[in-house]
Amino acid sequence: MKIEHRNEKVAKDLHAVIIPYPAQGHMTPSFQLAKKLVGLGFRITFVNTEHNHDRIMKSRSKANMEPDKNIKFVPVSDGLPEDHPRLRDLTAFCDATLKMGPAFEELFLSLMLESPITCVIRDIRFSGVHAVAKKLGLPIVAFVTPSAISTHCCYHLQTFISAGLLPLPPPPAHAAPSLDHKYYTLGPPQSDEEAAARQAPLTGLPGGSPTMRVGDLPTFVLSHDPSTFFFRLHQEIQNPLVPDCDCILYNTFHDLEGEILDAMSSMNSNIFAIGPLVLNPTTVDEVEELTMAGAGSAMWEEDSVSLSWLDAQSPDSVLFVSFGSLATITSEEIQEFAWGLELSGHAFLWAIRPELLESMCEKKEFGSMFSQFLTRTSDRGLLVPWAPQTAVLLHPSVTAFLTHCGWNSTIESISSGLPMLGWPRFADQNTNCHYITQVWKIGLELKSQVKDGREVVSKEEVAQKVKRIMARGETDLEVEVIRTNCRNLRMKARKAMLKGGSSQIALAKFVELIERRATHSAPPS
């Protein structure tokens, strides 16, 4: 199926309102989708909360970015005071997004006075938009920004409850729950019963890997108590709202998650895998090629020093380290990683959010240790606040990626053909890491050990796994298989996005479906 670029007259008739969840990992693929739809003749209204809108506009301004043609950025209030910690108080923030319906109704009505809305594309997590769009008769598209497998797990939450796999056994009296109530990271089991429950096979998941265990589920649902906010939330936002959407878009491709996508057809008959969205088809001298570039929706200013530093390194010599935009890391964890990187002897580029590091360096002992670490590794290491990740992953000096296994990082690494070292922190990262290491076999996992009641990855584990994933010409058969699988998946990802590929065809079918279903209605009088 061929996708044609539409003329200006038709473009005026296609207007999608895209509403990402207010977190960096959700905004990035949403903006990549926006750019794809502009290329197909859509006008886009891209809606952020006021807090995130201001940060993105400042970041784009500092980077001297040109305005994106046919994409209009619009802010909407999340109802929270400016000094609210937002994602650092995840439960309160997510609860606030559920109450944003009136703000979106006002926005939709004002937009419809200017021009019809063809469809509302909402992040699958942004359920507060659903009822309002339905009320106004607007086609609703759910956009899945995490992996298909993690979404599939959450959709079948009631299945796991009925099978007795969830919730986890309660902790002993006076013991803290293993799931952190604030950051939703999962600590060590608090009892033998919980340890056994986490290791139980994850039965009843259609299309799921037979190697999955209960502990591989997204951390939000690994609770001892079914009445907790996120346990209930993931039941409510998945079912019945997801089947009620006109269609669902996934930032994945069929050769990667085909069995899962096929199994999800019972959830919604209109499922389209249109990724990896980070890959952009272009035509040069009548030959179709693929490029890979950042979305231009970062809330942090990207450090340009990264690329010039990489230019000075030898080919295939650098480990890229990044734990994403939300991960919480303790001083002890950073120290172990720092020492492990030093012990490995390999060059590294480490992107770590400034507010995270600054808060830790306020502790005199940590600040001194980290300063000494940077001095000792200055000949082969670089620390930056935020890196242009897609450009870094494509750089010929980079050999592997030490990652938290967020879905954007995972799909970007796959598109780049790089093996991964996985250190999952929370949300869908557990699930992604299992598939990276046990199903797709494109990476190794960093294993934790329990120390003073907490799980910590030791410097010895970091050093040993870094040496393995970075080694060339060695006899490590597992790593050789990983490198081969990475190359194969990279080719399949690129094939999916080129003309005639599965994702390109799926995107065309999605546009056709939305054109058929769009009412182009005016606002109700």
Protein backbone atom coordinates (compact mmCIF):
# COMPACT_ATOMS: atom_id res chain seq x y z
CA MET A 1 0.00 0.00 0.00
CA LYS A 2 1.43 3.34 -1.04
CA ILE A 3 1.18 6.40 1.18
CA GLU A 4 0.81 9.58 -0.83
CA HIS A 5 1.54 13.03 0.49
CA ARG A 6 -1.66 14.98 0.37
CA ASN A 7 -2.15 18.40 -1.14
CA GLU A 8 -2.74 21.53 0.93
CA LYS A 9 -6.51 21.49 0.34
CA VAL A 10 -6.90 18.00 1.73
CA ALA A 11 -4.48 18.77 4.55
CA LYS A 12 -6.85 21.41 5.87
CA ASP A 13 -9.51 18.72 6.30
CA LEU A 14 -7.40 16.45 8.52
CA HIS A 15 -6.84 17.73 12.03
CA ALA A 16 -5.57 15.44 14.81
CA VAL A 17 -5.34 16.56 18.42
CA ILE A 18 -2.48 14.62 20.04
CA ILE A 19 -2.41 14.43 23.84
CA PRO A 20 0.67 12.73 25.32
CA TYR A 21 0.85 11.74 28.96
CA PRO A 22 2.77 14.54 30.76
CA ALA A 23 6.11 12.71 31.02
CA GLN A 24 9.16 12.85 28.75
CA GLY A 25 9.02 9.17 27.82
CA HIS A 26 5.45 9.63 26.56
CA MET A 27 5.92 12.99 24.85
CA THR A 28 8.84 11.85 22.68
CA PRO A 29 7.02 9.13 20.67
CA SER A 30 3.87 11.29 20.55
CA PHE A 31 5.82 14.04 18.81
CA GLN A 32 7.43 11.50 16.48
CA LEU A 33 3.90 10.37 15.58
CA ALA A 34 2.86 13.99 15.02
CA LYS A 35 5.67 14.46 12.50
CA LYS A 36 4.67 11.26 10.66
CA LEU A 37 1.06 12.45 10.38
CA VAL A 38 2.11 15.88 9.13
CA GLY A 39 3.90 14.08 6.30
CA LEU A 40 0.56 12.42 5.48
CA GLY A 41 -1.34 15.68 5.28
CA PHE A 42 -2.53 16.21 8.84
CA ARG A 43 -2.52 19.40 10.85
CA ILE A 44 -1.63 18.66 14.45
CA THR A 45 -2.62 20.34 17.69
CA PHE A 46 -0.08 19.02 20.20
CA VAL A 47 -1.37 19.45 23.75
CA ASN A 48 0.90 19.56 26.79
CA THR A 49 0.24 20.58 30.35
CA GLU A 50 1.25 24.20 30.96
CA HIS A 51 4.18 23.04 33.11
CA ASN A 52 5.65 20.83 30.37
CA HIS A 53 4.72 23.21 27.55
CA ASP A 54 6.84 25.95 29.07
CA ARG A 55 9.82 23.63 29.53
CA ILE A 56 9.65 22.33 25.96
CA MET A 57 9.34 25.81 24.49
CA LYS A 58 12.39 26.97 26.46
CA SER A 59 14.39 23.92 25.38
CA ARG A 60 13.44 24.40 21.72
CA SER A 61 14.27 28.10 21.92
CA LYS A 62 17.75 27.44 23.35
CA ALA A 63 18.37 24.90 20.60
CA ASN A 64 17.22 27.45 17.96
CA MET A 65 14.70 25.00 16.54
CA GLU A 66 12.57 26.13 13.64
CA PRO A 67 8.78 25.92 14.10
CA ASP A 68 7.37 22.63 12.86
CA LYS A 69 5.08 23.15 9.91
CA ASN A 70 1.45 22.23 10.64
CA ILE A 71 2.15 21.47 14.32
CA LYS A 72 0.69 23.85 16.86
CA PHE A 73 1.70 23.55 20.52
CA VAL A 74 -1.13 24.25 22.94
CA PRO A 75 -0.97 24.25 26.77
CA VAL A 76 -3.71 23.13 29.15
CA SER A 77 -3.74 23.37 32.94
CA ASP A 78 -3.27 20.20 34.98
CA GLY A 79 -4.97 21.92 37.90
CA LEU A 80 -1.90 21.73 40.13
CA PRO A 81 -0.01 24.67 41.65
CA GLU A 82 3.25 25.63 39.94
CA ASP A 83 5.40 24.41 42.85
CA HIS A 84 3.80 20.94 42.90
CA PRO A 85 6.49 18.20 42.50
CA ARG A 86 4.34 16.45 39.87
CA LEU A 87 6.08 13.25 38.78
CA ARG A 88 8.05 13.19 42.02
CA ASP A 89 4.67 12.63 43.70
CA LEU A 90 3.41 10.12 41.16
CA THR A 91 0.14 9.12 42.80
CA ALA A 92 -1.07 12.70 43.33
CA PHE A 93 0.00 13.67 39.82
CA CYS A 94 -1.73 10.74 38.11
CA ASP A 95 -4.84 11.39 40.17
CA ALA A 96 -4.83 15.01 38.95
CA THR A 97 -4.70 13.90 35.30
CA LEU A 98 -7.87 11.85 35.85
CA LYS A 99 -9.69 15.08 36.73
CA MET A 100 -8.65 17.06 33.65
CA GLY A 101 -11.82 16.26 31.67
CA PRO A 102 -13.40 19.75 32.02
CA ALA A 103 -10.18 21.43 30.87
CA PHE A 104 -10.08 19.23 27.77
CA GLU A 105 -13.74 19.80 27.01
CA GLU A 106 -13.13 23.55 27.02
CA LEU A 107 -10.08 23.07 24.79
CA PHE A 108 -11.88 20.81 22.29
CA LEU A 109 -14.80 23.19 21.99
CA SER A 110 -12.52 26.15 21.34
CA LEU A 111 -10.58 24.19 18.71
CA MET A 112 -13.79 23.05 17.00
CA LEU A 113 -14.91 26.65 16.66
CA GLU A 114 -11.81 27.25 14.52
CA SER A 115 -11.90 24.01 12.50
CA PRO A 116 -13.25 20.44 12.76
CA ILE A 117 -11.31 17.80 14.69
CA THR A 118 -10.72 14.62 12.70
CA CYS A 119 -9.63 12.56 15.72
CA VAL A 120 -8.24 12.75 19.23
CA ILE A 121 -5.07 10.70 19.72
CA ARG A 122 -4.64 10.22 23.44
CA ASP A 123 -1.92 8.41 25.31
CA ILE A 124 -3.38 5.14 26.50
CA ARG A 125 -2.61 6.27 30.06
CA PHE A 126 -4.51 9.56 29.64
CA SER A 127 -7.97 8.19 30.35
CA GLY A 128 -9.22 11.57 31.60
CA VAL A 129 -9.61 12.62 27.95
CA HIS A 130 -11.81 9.70 26.93
CA ALA A 131 -15.27 10.62 28.22
CA VAL A 132 -15.07 14.19 26.93
CA ALA A 133 -14.03 13.16 23.41
CA LYS A 134 -16.79 10.54 23.41
CA LYS A 135 -19.34 13.13 24.51
CA LEU A 136 -18.38 15.40 21.61
CA GLY A 137 -18.56 12.57 19.09
CA LEU A 138 -14.86 12.63 18.25
CA PRO A 139 -13.05 9.48 17.07
CA ILE A 140 -10.68 8.34 19.83
CA VAL A 141 -7.30 6.78 19.08
CA ALA A 142 -5.36 5.20 21.94
CA PHE A 143 -1.61 5.58 21.48
CA VAL A 144 0.46 3.01 23.36
CA THR A 145 3.83 4.53 24.24
CA PRO A 146 5.10 1.57 26.37
CA SER A 147 5.76 -1.86 24.86
CA ALA A 148 2.88 -3.98 23.61
CA ILE A 149 3.79 -6.77 26.04
CA SER A 150 3.63 -4.51 29.12
CA THR A 151 0.26 -3.11 28.01
CA HIS A 152 -0.97 -6.64 27.37
CA CYS A 153 0.04 -7.61 30.92
CA CYS A 154 -1.88 -4.70 32.45
CA TYR A 155 -4.96 -5.48 30.35
CA HIS A 156 -5.00 -9.03 31.76
CA LEU A 157 -4.64 -7.89 35.36
CA GLN A 158 -8.01 -9.41 36.30
CA THR A 159 -6.89 -12.70 34.75
CA PHE A 160 -3.91 -12.82 37.11
CA ILE A 161 -6.08 -11.89 40.08
CA SER A 162 -8.58 -14.66 39.26
CA ALA A 163 -5.71 -17.15 38.94
CA GLY A 164 -4.41 -16.19 42.40
CA LEU A 165 -1.12 -14.81 41.01
CA LEU A 166 -1.88 -11.29 42.24
CA PRO A 167 -1.83 -9.46 44.54
CA LEU A 168 1.45 -10.51 46.14
CA PRO A 169 1.31 -12.04 49.64
CA PRO A 170 1.17 -9.35 52.34
CA PRO A 171 4.42 -8.44 54.08
CA PRO A 172 5.02 -9.66 57.63
CA ALA A 173 3.76 -7.49 60.46
CA HIS A 174 5.75 -4.26 60.87
CA ALA A 175 7.65 -4.87 57.57
CA ALA A 176 7.53 -2.29 54.81
CA PRO A 177 5.95 -3.38 51.50
CA SER A 178 8.47 -4.47 48.88
CA LEU A 179 6.89 -2.06 46.37
CA ASP A 180 7.93 1.51 47.21
CA HIS A 181 4.74 3.55 47.67
CA LYS A 182 6.28 6.71 46.18
CA TYR A 183 8.56 5.66 43.33
CA TYR A 184 7.07 2.20 42.61
CA THR A 185 10.45 0.52 42.45
CA LEU A 186 10.41 -3.07 43.67
CA GLY A 187 12.69 -4.10 46.51
CA PRO A 188 13.57 -7.62 47.68
CA PRO A 189 10.77 -10.00 48.76
CA GLN A 190 9.71 -9.55 52.38
CA SER A 191 8.94 -13.24 52.95
CA ASP A 192 9.54 -16.68 51.50
CA GLU A 193 5.90 -16.69 50.37
CA GLU A 194 6.40 -13.49 48.38
CA ALA A 195 9.66 -14.79 46.87
CA ALA A 196 7.82 -17.91 45.67
CA ALA A 197 4.91 -15.84 44.36
CA ARG A 198 7.23 -13.65 42.29
CA GLN A 199 8.92 -16.73 40.78
CA ALA A 200 5.63 -18.38 39.86
CA PRO A 201 5.08 -18.86 36.09
CA LEU A 202 2.91 -16.13 34.57
CA THR A 203 0.07 -18.28 33.28
CA GLY A 204 -3.01 -17.13 31.42
CA LEU A 205 -1.35 -14.49 29.21
CA PRO A 206 -2.25 -15.15 25.56
CA GLY A 207 0.78 -14.80 23.31
CA GLY A 208 3.10 -14.15 26.26
CA SER A 209 6.52 -15.71 26.64
CA PRO A 210 6.43 -19.03 28.56
CA THR A 211 9.55 -17.91 30.42
CA MET A 212 7.77 -15.00 32.11
CA ARG A 213 7.33 -15.01 35.87
CA VAL A 214 4.99 -12.94 38.01
CA GLY A 215 7.95 -10.77 39.00
CA ASP A 216 8.39 -9.77 35.35
CA LEU A 217 5.11 -7.84 35.39
CA PRO A 218 5.14 -4.02 35.40
CA THR A 219 5.88 -2.88 38.94
CA PHE A 220 2.69 -0.81 39.18
CA VAL A 221 0.66 -4.02 39.58
CA LEU A 222 3.13 -5.92 41.80
CA SER A 223 1.34 -4.80 44.90
CA HIS A 224 0.39 -6.56 48.11
CA ASP A 225 -2.89 -4.65 48.22
CA PRO A 226 -5.47 -4.63 45.37
CA SER A 227 -6.97 -1.40 46.71
CA THR A 228 -3.86 0.69 46.01
CA PHE A 229 -4.20 3.56 43.54
CA PHE A 230 -2.15 2.16 40.65
CA PHE A 231 -3.52 -1.37 41.00
CA ARG A 232 -7.04 0.01 40.57
CA LEU A 233 -5.99 2.57 37.96
CA HIS A 234 -4.52 0.00 35.60
CA GLN A 235 -7.70 -2.04 35.77
CA GLU A 236 -9.86 1.00 34.99
CA ILE A 237 -7.81 2.63 32.19
CA GLN A 238 -7.31 -0.62 30.28
CA ASN A 239 -10.75 -2.13 30.45
CA PRO A 240 -13.37 -1.10 29.32
CA LEU A 241 -11.83 2.11 27.93
CA VAL A 242 -9.32 0.53 25.54
CA PRO A 243 -11.88 -1.66 23.69
CA ASP A 244 -14.07 1.46 23.42
CA CYS A 245 -11.44 3.32 21.34
CA ASP A 246 -11.83 3.46 17.57
CA CYS A 247 -8.35 2.01 17.20
CA ILE A 248 -5.01 1.53 18.97
CA LEU A 249 -1.56 2.54 17.75
CA TYR A 250 1.65 0.88 18.97
CA ASN A 251 5.20 2.17 18.72
CA THR A 252 6.49 -1.29 17.85
CA PHE A 253 6.70 -3.53 14.79
CA HIS A 254 5.24 -6.91 13.96
CA ASP A 255 8.53 -8.82 13.70
CA LEU A 256 9.32 -7.76 17.27
CA GLU A 257 6.00 -8.21 19.11
CA GLY A 258 3.84 -10.00 16.56
CA GLU A 259 2.59 -12.76 18.87
CA ILE A 260 1.50 -10.20 21.44
CA LEU A 261 -0.19 -7.96 18.86
CA ASP A 262 -2.04 -10.92 17.36
CA ALA A 263 -3.23 -12.00 20.81
CA MET A 264 -4.54 -8.50 21.51
CA SER A 265 -6.96 -8.52 18.59
CA SER A 266 -9.68 -9.65 20.99
CA MET A 267 -9.17 -6.43 22.95
CA ASN A 268 -9.74 -4.18 19.94
CA SER A 269 -10.19 -5.21 16.32
CA ASN A 270 -8.29 -2.18 15.01
CA ILE A 271 -4.69 -2.54 16.17
CA PHE A 272 -1.86 -0.93 14.22
CA ALA A 273 1.85 -1.45 14.91
CA ILE A 274 3.44 1.63 13.28
CA GLY A 275 6.94 1.71 14.78
CA PRO A 276 9.75 2.25 15.38
CA LEU A 277 8.58 5.86 15.08
CA VAL A 278 12.16 7.05 15.62
CA LEU A 279 12.97 5.84 12.07
CA ASN A 280 12.12 8.34 9.34
CA PRO A 281 11.85 7.27 5.67
CA THR A 282 13.28 9.78 3.20
CA THR A 283 13.85 9.67 -0.56
CA VAL A 284 17.27 10.61 -1.94
CA ASP A 285 17.78 10.42 -5.72
CA GLU A 286 14.63 8.26 -5.97
CA VAL A 287 16.05 5.79 -3.44
CA GLU A 288 14.19 5.34 -0.13
CA GLU A 289 16.43 5.61 2.92
CA LEU A 290 15.94 5.78 6.69
CA THR A 291 17.20 8.36 9.12
CA MET A 292 16.98 8.38 12.89
CA ALA A 293 16.74 11.66 14.78
CA GLY A 294 15.43 13.07 18.04
CA ALA A 295 11.85 14.26 18.25
CA GLY A 296 12.55 17.85 19.30
CA SER A 297 10.34 17.55 22.37
CA ALA A 298 12.95 17.23 25.13
CA MET A 299 12.37 19.09 28.39
CA TRP A 300 16.13 19.29 29.03
CA GLU A 301 18.73 21.06 26.94
CA GLU A 302 20.77 18.44 25.09
CA ASP A 303 24.53 18.61 25.58
CA SER A 304 26.29 19.03 22.22
CA VAL A 305 29.67 18.15 23.77
CA SER A 306 28.69 14.46 23.67
CA LEU A 307 29.06 14.09 19.93
CA SER A 308 32.33 16.00 19.61
CA TRP A 309 33.77 13.89 22.45
CA LEU A 310 32.61 10.69 20.70
CA ASP A 311 34.25 11.88 17.49
CA ALA A 312 37.62 11.73 19.27
CA GLN A 313 37.11 8.13 20.45
CA SER A 314 38.06 4.94 18.64
CA PRO A 315 35.36 3.04 16.72
CA ASP A 316 33.38 0.54 18.80
CA SER A 317 35.00 1.59 22.07
CA VAL A 318 32.41 3.50 24.14
CA LEU A 319 29.61 2.37 26.46
CA PHE A 320 26.66 4.77 26.58
CA VAL A 321 24.98 4.96 30.01
CA SER A 322 21.58 6.56 30.63
CA PHE A 323 18.79 5.79 33.07
CA GLY A 324 16.13 7.94 31.41
CA SER A 325 14.04 10.88 32.50
CA LEU A 326 12.31 9.49 35.59
CA ALA A 327 14.45 6.85 37.26
CA THR A 328 15.32 7.42 40.90
CA ILE A 329 18.84 6.43 41.95
CA THR A 330 20.37 6.47 45.41
CA SER A 331 23.87 7.73 46.22
CA GLU A 332 24.94 4.18 46.99
CA GLU A 333 23.68 2.92 43.61
CA ILE A 334 25.51 5.67 41.71
CA GLN A 335 28.71 4.94 43.63
CA GLU A 336 28.57 1.26 42.69
CA PHE A 337 27.96 2.12 39.03
CA ALA A 338 30.79 4.66 39.06
CA TRP A 339 33.23 2.20 40.59
CA GLY A 340 32.05 -0.55 38.24
CA LEU A 341 32.60 1.63 35.17
CA GLU A 342 36.06 2.52 36.44
CA LEU A 343 36.93 -1.13 37.13
CA SER A 344 35.77 -2.19 33.65
CA GLY A 345 38.55 -0.21 32.01
CA HIS A 346 36.27 0.79 29.11
CA ALA A 347 35.43 4.26 27.83
CA PHE A 348 31.97 5.53 28.74
CA LEU A 349 29.58 8.41 28.09
CA TRP A 350 27.20 8.83 31.04
CA ALA A 351 24.09 10.99 30.75
CA ILE A 352 22.63 11.76 34.15
CA ARG A 353 19.95 14.34 34.90
CA PRO A 354 21.41 17.40 36.63
CA GLU A 355 18.81 17.63 39.39
CA LEU A 356 19.45 14.02 40.33
CA LEU A 357 23.20 14.44 40.62
CA GLU A 358 23.04 17.88 42.23
CA SER A 359 20.82 16.63 45.05
CA MET A 360 23.29 13.84 45.78
CA CYS A 361 26.38 16.05 45.58
CA GLU A 362 24.93 18.16 48.39
CA LYS A 363 26.18 15.32 50.58
CA LYS A 364 29.81 16.21 51.11
CA GLU A 365 31.04 12.63 51.19
CA PHE A 366 29.30 11.70 47.94
CA GLY A 367 30.40 14.89 46.18
CA SER A 368 34.03 14.21 47.09
CA MET A 369 33.83 10.58 45.94
CA PHE A 370 32.24 11.50 42.62
CA SER A 371 34.71 14.31 41.98
CA GLN A 372 37.60 11.88 42.50
CA PHE A 373 35.94 9.34 40.20
CA LEU A 374 35.62 11.92 37.42
CA THR A 375 39.26 12.90 37.84
CA ARG A 376 40.49 9.30 37.69
CA THR A 377 38.46 8.51 34.56
CA SER A 378 38.85 11.84 32.74
CA ASP A 379 40.94 10.21 29.99
CA ARG A 380 38.16 7.79 29.00
CA GLY A 381 34.90 9.01 30.48
CA LEU A 382 32.49 11.92 30.01
CA LEU A 383 29.54 12.91 32.19
CA VAL A 384 26.80 15.06 30.61
CA PRO A 385 23.44 16.29 31.94
CA TRP A 386 21.37 15.20 28.91
CA ALA A 387 22.55 13.74 25.62
CA PRO A 388 21.06 13.65 22.10
CA GLN A 389 20.37 9.96 22.56
CA THR A 390 19.48 8.90 19.03
CA ALA A 391 22.62 10.55 17.62
CA VAL A 392 24.73 8.96 20.36
CA LEU A 393 23.34 5.47 19.71
CA LEU A 394 24.13 5.80 16.01
CA HIS A 395 27.66 7.06 16.55
CA PRO A 396 30.34 4.62 15.28
CA SER A 397 32.27 4.92 18.56
CA VAL A 398 29.39 3.50 20.63
CA THR A 399 29.35 -0.27 21.15
CA ALA A 400 26.62 -0.92 23.74
CA PHE A 401 23.95 0.78 25.85
CA LEU A 402 23.57 0.49 29.64
CA THR A 403 19.89 1.36 30.05
CA HIS A 404 16.93 1.33 32.44
CA CYS A 405 14.95 -0.49 29.70
CA GLY A 406 12.35 2.22 29.17
CA TRP A 407 10.51 1.56 25.91
CA ASN A 408 11.88 4.58 24.02
CA SER A 409 15.44 3.60 24.90
CA THR A 410 14.73 -0.02 24.04
CA ILE A 411 13.22 0.67 20.62
CA GLU A 412 15.96 3.21 19.82
CA SER A 413 18.65 0.70 20.76
CA ILE A 414 16.99 -1.96 18.60
CA SER A 415 16.80 0.49 15.69
CA SER A 416 20.50 1.22 16.14
CA GLY A 417 21.50 -2.45 16.37
CA LEU A 418 23.17 -2.00 19.77
CA PRO A 419 23.24 -4.66 22.52
CA MET A 420 21.96 -3.60 25.92
CA LEU A 421 22.84 -3.98 29.57
CA GLY A 422 19.55 -3.80 31.42
CA TRP A 423 18.94 -2.27 34.84
CA PRO A 424 15.14 -1.91 35.11
CA ARG A 425 13.80 0.48 37.75
CA PHE A 426 10.00 0.65 37.66
CA ALA A 427 6.82 0.59 35.53
CA ASP A 428 7.16 -1.50 32.33
CA GLN A 429 10.95 -1.74 32.57
CA ASN A 430 10.90 -5.14 34.33
CA THR A 431 8.82 -6.57 31.50
CA ASN A 432 10.93 -4.99 28.76
CA CYS A 433 14.13 -6.27 30.36
CA HIS A 434 12.79 -9.83 30.43
CA TYR A 435 12.06 -9.69 26.72
CA ILE A 436 15.40 -8.03 25.95
CA THR A 437 17.37 -10.73 27.76
CA GLN A 438 15.21 -13.88 27.62
CA VAL A 439 13.02 -13.61 24.50
CA TRP A 440 14.72 -11.40 21.89
CA LYS A 441 18.15 -12.18 23.43
CA ILE A 442 19.67 -8.79 22.58
CA GLY A 443 21.16 -7.94 25.97
CA LEU A 444 22.31 -8.94 29.44
CA GLU A 445 20.71 -8.02 32.75
CA LEU A 446 22.59 -6.53 35.68
CA LYS A 447 21.73 -8.68 38.69
CA SER A 448 21.19 -7.17 42.12
CA GLN A 449 22.16 -8.51 45.51
CA VAL A 450 20.45 -7.80 48.80
CA LYS A 451 22.46 -5.52 51.10
CA ASP A 452 21.04 -4.19 54.37
CA GLY A 453 17.53 -5.09 53.22
CA ARG A 454 17.92 -3.33 49.86
CA GLU A 455 18.78 -4.55 46.38
CA VAL A 456 21.99 -3.08 44.97
CA VAL A 457 23.99 -3.86 41.83
CA SER A 458 27.59 -4.31 42.96
CA LYS A 459 30.56 -2.67 41.27
CA GLU A 460 31.91 -6.15 40.51
CA GLU A 461 28.70 -7.05 38.67
CA VAL A 462 28.79 -3.80 36.70
CA ALA A 463 32.45 -4.25 35.74
CA GLN A 464 32.03 -7.90 34.76
CA LYS A 465 28.93 -7.32 32.58
CA VAL A 466 30.44 -4.22 30.94
CA LYS A 467 33.55 -6.20 30.04
CA ARG A 468 31.40 -8.95 28.52
CA ILE A 469 29.13 -6.72 26.44
CA MET A 470 32.02 -4.56 25.21
CA ALA A 471 34.45 -7.38 24.35
CA ARG A 472 35.32 -8.09 20.72
CA GLY A 473 36.89 -11.19 19.26
CA GLU A 474 36.33 -13.16 22.47
CA THR A 475 34.87 -16.62 23.00
CA ASP A 476 31.72 -15.43 24.81
CA LEU A 477 29.16 -17.29 22.69
CA GLU A 478 26.17 -15.70 24.45
CA VAL A 479 27.37 -12.19 23.61
CA GLU A 480 28.09 -13.22 20.02
CA VAL A 481 24.50 -14.46 19.70
CA ILE A 482 23.30 -11.18 21.21
CA ARG A 483 25.25 -9.16 18.62
CA THR A 484 23.88 -11.29 15.77
CA ASN A 485 20.31 -10.89 17.06
CA CYS A 486 20.82 -7.12 17.36
CA ARG A 487 21.90 -6.88 13.73
CA ASN A 488 18.94 -8.98 12.58
CA LEU A 489 16.37 -7.00 14.56
CA ARG A 490 17.83 -3.74 13.30
CA MET A 491 17.29 -4.89 9.72
CA LYS A 492 13.73 -6.01 10.51
CA ALA A 493 12.94 -2.68 12.21
CA ARG A 494 14.15 -0.77 9.17
CA LYS A 495 12.30 -3.07 6.77
CA ALA A 496 9.06 -2.45 8.70
CA MET A 497 9.32 1.32 8.17
CA LEU A 498 10.23 1.26 4.46
CA LYS A 499 7.78 1.18 1.56
CA GLY A 500 5.77 -2.04 1.68
CA GLY A 501 6.88 -2.77 5.25
CA SER A 502 4.43 -3.87 7.95
CA SER A 503 4.51 -0.59 9.88
CA GLN A 504 4.23 1.57 6.76
CA ILE A 505 1.19 -0.42 5.62
CA ALA A 506 -0.33 -0.24 9.13
CA LEU A 507 0.04 3.55 9.21
CA ALA A 508 -1.72 3.85 5.84
CA LYS A 509 -4.57 1.63 7.06
CA PHE A 510 -4.90 3.75 10.20
CA VAL A 511 -5.25 6.95 8.15
CA GLU A 512 -7.89 5.31 5.94
CA LEU A 513 -9.84 4.15 8.99
CA ILE A 514 -9.81 7.59 10.59
CA GLU A 515 -10.90 9.25 7.36
CA ARG A 516 -13.88 6.90 7.21
CA ARG A 517 -14.85 7.43 10.83
CA ALA A 518 -14.29 11.17 11.10
CA THR A 519 -17.52 13.15 11.34
CA HIS A 520 -15.85 16.57 11.06
CA SER A 521 -18.60 17.76 13.36
CA ALA A 522 -18.96 21.30 14.58
CA PRO A 523 -19.24 21.89 18.33
CA PRO A 524 -22.69 21.21 19.76
CA SER A 525 -24.87 24.29 19.96
